[in-house]
Amino acid sequence: MDLNQLNLRLNQKLNQFSRKINNFFSFVAYKLKNFKNLTVGEQVSFSGIGLGLILMLVSLVLFII
């Protein structure tokens, strides 16, 4: 395998990973855009995940300071 083939395979894998990440964030953005139409369980879970992420960021900042 030469360097050009390796570079091509790496670019294909990175593009595939980029599409998966983009699809994930598009799904989350769509769900948050229609938050009022979600079931109560989905609303609670999205709120809990959001709160958890905020608390992790705060704890990371406090740990660094």
N, C-alpha and C. Protein backbone atom coordinates (compact mmCIF):
# COMPACT_ATOMS: atom_id res chain seq x y z
N MET A 1 0.85 -1.17 0.00
CA MET A 1 0.00 0.00 0.00
C MET A 1 0.90 1.23 0.00
N ASP A 2 0.69 2.08 -0.96
CA ASP A 2 1.52 3.28 -1.02
C ASP A 2 0.85 4.42 -0.25
N LEU A 3 1.53 5.52 -0.22
CA LEU A 3 1.09 6.67 0.57
C LEU A 3 -0.20 7.27 0.01
N ASN A 4 -0.38 7.27 -1.29
CA ASN A 4 -1.59 7.84 -1.89
C ASN A 4 -2.82 7.03 -1.51
N GLN A 5 -2.72 5.71 -1.52
CA GLN A 5 -3.85 4.87 -1.12
C GLN A 5 -4.18 5.06 0.35
N LEU A 6 -3.15 5.15 1.16
CA LEU A 6 -3.37 5.38 2.59
C LEU A 6 -4.06 6.72 2.83
N ASN A 7 -3.61 7.74 2.11
CA ASN A 7 -4.21 9.06 2.24
C ASN A 7 -5.66 9.04 1.78
N LEU A 8 -5.95 8.34 0.69
CA LEU A 8 -7.32 8.23 0.18
C LEU A 8 -8.21 7.51 1.19
N ARG A 9 -7.74 6.43 1.76
CA ARG A 9 -8.54 5.68 2.75
C ARG A 9 -8.78 6.52 4.00
N LEU A 10 -7.76 7.26 4.43
CA LEU A 10 -7.90 8.12 5.61
C LEU A 10 -8.94 9.21 5.35
N ASN A 11 -8.88 9.82 4.17
CA ASN A 11 -9.86 10.86 3.83
C ASN A 11 -11.27 10.29 3.76
N GLN A 12 -11.43 9.08 3.24
CA GLN A 12 -12.75 8.45 3.18
C GLN A 12 -13.29 8.20 4.59
N LYS A 13 -12.43 7.70 5.47
CA LYS A 13 -12.86 7.43 6.85
C LYS A 13 -13.23 8.73 7.57
N LEU A 14 -12.44 9.78 7.36
CA LEU A 14 -12.74 11.06 8.01
C LEU A 14 -14.03 11.66 7.48
N ASN A 15 -14.28 11.54 6.19
CA ASN A 15 -15.54 12.04 5.62
C ASN A 15 -16.72 11.26 6.15
N GLN A 16 -16.57 9.95 6.29
CA GLN A 16 -17.64 9.11 6.83
C GLN A 16 -17.92 9.49 8.29
N PHE A 17 -16.85 9.71 9.07
CA PHE A 17 -17.01 10.11 10.46
C PHE A 17 -17.68 11.47 10.55
N SER A 18 -17.30 12.39 9.67
CA SER A 18 -17.89 13.72 9.65
C SER A 18 -19.38 13.66 9.35
N ARG A 19 -19.78 12.81 8.40
CA ARG A 19 -21.21 12.66 8.08
C ARG A 19 -21.98 12.08 9.27
N LYS A 20 -21.40 11.13 9.98
CA LYS A 20 -22.08 10.56 11.15
C LYS A 20 -22.27 11.60 12.24
N ILE A 21 -21.23 12.39 12.49
CA ILE A 21 -21.33 13.45 13.51
C ILE A 21 -22.38 14.48 13.09
N ASN A 22 -22.38 14.85 11.81
CA ASN A 22 -23.34 15.82 11.31
C ASN A 22 -24.77 15.29 11.45
N ASN A 23 -24.99 14.03 11.13
CA ASN A 23 -26.32 13.43 11.27
C ASN A 23 -26.77 13.41 12.73
N PHE A 24 -25.84 13.13 13.64
CA PHE A 24 -26.18 13.11 15.06
C PHE A 24 -26.63 14.49 15.53
N PHE A 25 -25.84 15.52 15.20
CA PHE A 25 -26.20 16.86 15.66
C PHE A 25 -27.45 17.39 14.95
N SER A 26 -27.69 16.98 13.72
CA SER A 26 -28.93 17.36 13.04
C SER A 26 -30.13 16.74 13.74
N PHE A 27 -30.00 15.49 14.17
CA PHE A 27 -31.07 14.82 14.90
C PHE A 27 -31.36 15.54 16.22
N VAL A 28 -30.30 15.87 16.96
CA VAL A 28 -30.49 16.55 18.24
C VAL A 28 -31.10 17.93 18.03
N ALA A 29 -30.62 18.66 17.02
CA ALA A 29 -31.16 20.00 16.74
C ALA A 29 -32.64 19.92 16.37
N TYR A 30 -33.01 18.91 15.58
CA TYR A 30 -34.42 18.74 15.21
C TYR A 30 -35.27 18.46 16.45
N LYS A 31 -34.77 17.59 17.31
CA LYS A 31 -35.53 17.27 18.53
C LYS A 31 -35.67 18.49 19.43
N LEU A 32 -34.60 19.27 19.57
CA LEU A 32 -34.68 20.45 20.43
C LEU A 32 -35.54 21.55 19.82
N LYS A 33 -35.59 21.60 18.48
CA LYS A 33 -36.44 22.59 17.81
C LYS A 33 -37.92 22.29 18.09
N ASN A 34 -38.25 21.01 18.19
CA ASN A 34 -39.62 20.59 18.46
C ASN A 34 -39.77 20.08 19.89
N PHE A 35 -39.15 20.78 20.83
CA PHE A 35 -39.11 20.31 22.22
C PHE A 35 -40.51 20.18 22.81
N LYS A 36 -41.39 21.13 22.48
CA LYS A 36 -42.74 21.10 23.07
C LYS A 36 -43.57 19.92 22.57
N ASN A 37 -43.18 19.35 21.42
CA ASN A 37 -43.93 18.22 20.87
C ASN A 37 -43.40 16.87 21.36
N LEU A 38 -42.33 16.87 22.14
CA LEU A 38 -41.76 15.62 22.64
C LEU A 38 -42.61 15.08 23.79
N THR A 39 -42.46 13.79 24.04
CA THR A 39 -43.15 13.21 25.20
C THR A 39 -42.48 13.71 26.47
N VAL A 40 -43.15 13.53 27.58
CA VAL A 40 -42.61 13.99 28.86
C VAL A 40 -41.30 13.28 29.17
N GLY A 41 -41.22 12.00 28.88
CA GLY A 41 -39.98 11.26 29.13
C GLY A 41 -38.82 11.79 28.31
N GLU A 42 -39.07 12.12 27.05
CA GLU A 42 -38.02 12.68 26.21
C GLU A 42 -37.61 14.06 26.70
N GLN A 43 -38.57 14.86 27.13
CA GLN A 43 -38.24 16.19 27.65
C GLN A 43 -37.37 16.08 28.90
N VAL A 44 -37.72 15.16 29.78
CA VAL A 44 -36.94 14.97 31.01
C VAL A 44 -35.54 14.47 30.68
N SER A 45 -35.43 13.54 29.74
CA SER A 45 -34.12 12.99 29.41
C SER A 45 -33.23 14.03 28.74
N PHE A 46 -33.78 14.83 27.82
CA PHE A 46 -32.98 15.88 27.19
C PHE A 46 -32.54 16.91 28.22
N SER A 47 -33.43 17.26 29.14
CA SER A 47 -33.06 18.22 30.18
C SER A 47 -31.99 17.64 31.10
N GLY A 48 -32.13 16.37 31.43
CA GLY A 48 -31.13 15.73 32.30
C GLY A 48 -29.76 15.64 31.65
N ILE A 49 -29.74 15.30 30.37
CA ILE A 49 -28.47 15.22 29.65
C ILE A 49 -27.83 16.61 29.56
N GLY A 50 -28.66 17.62 29.25
CA GLY A 50 -28.14 18.99 29.18
C GLY A 50 -27.59 19.46 30.50
N LEU A 51 -28.30 19.19 31.57
CA LEU A 51 -27.82 19.57 32.90
C LEU A 51 -26.53 18.84 33.24
N GLY A 52 -26.45 17.57 32.89
CA GLY A 52 -25.23 16.81 33.15
C GLY A 52 -24.03 17.38 32.40
N LEU A 53 -24.22 17.76 31.14
CA LEU A 53 -23.12 18.35 30.38
C LEU A 53 -22.69 19.69 30.97
N ILE A 54 -23.66 20.50 31.39
CA ILE A 54 -23.32 21.79 32.01
C ILE A 54 -22.55 21.56 33.30
N LEU A 55 -22.99 20.62 34.12
CA LEU A 55 -22.29 20.35 35.38
C LEU A 55 -20.89 19.81 35.16
N MET A 56 -20.71 19.00 34.10
CA MET A 56 -19.36 18.51 33.78
C MET A 56 -18.45 19.64 33.37
N LEU A 57 -18.96 20.57 32.56
CA LEU A 57 -18.15 21.73 32.15
C LEU A 57 -17.78 22.59 33.34
N VAL A 58 -18.75 22.84 34.22
CA VAL A 58 -18.47 23.64 35.42
C VAL A 58 -17.45 22.97 36.30
N SER A 59 -17.57 21.67 36.50
CA SER A 59 -16.61 20.96 37.35
C SER A 59 -15.21 20.97 36.72
N LEU A 60 -15.15 20.87 35.40
CA LEU A 60 -13.86 20.94 34.72
C LEU A 60 -13.21 22.30 34.90
N VAL A 61 -14.00 23.35 34.76
CA VAL A 61 -13.47 24.71 34.95
C VAL A 61 -13.01 24.90 36.40
N LEU A 62 -13.81 24.45 37.35
CA LEU A 62 -13.43 24.60 38.75
C LEU A 62 -12.20 23.76 39.09
N PHE A 63 -12.05 22.62 38.45
CA PHE A 63 -10.87 21.78 38.70
C PHE A 63 -9.62 22.46 38.17
N ILE A 64 -9.71 23.11 37.00
CA ILE A 64 -8.57 23.79 36.44
C ILE A 64 -8.20 25.02 37.25
N ILE A 65 -9.20 25.76 37.73
CA ILE A 65 -8.93 26.96 38.53
C ILE A 65 -8.51 26.52 39.90
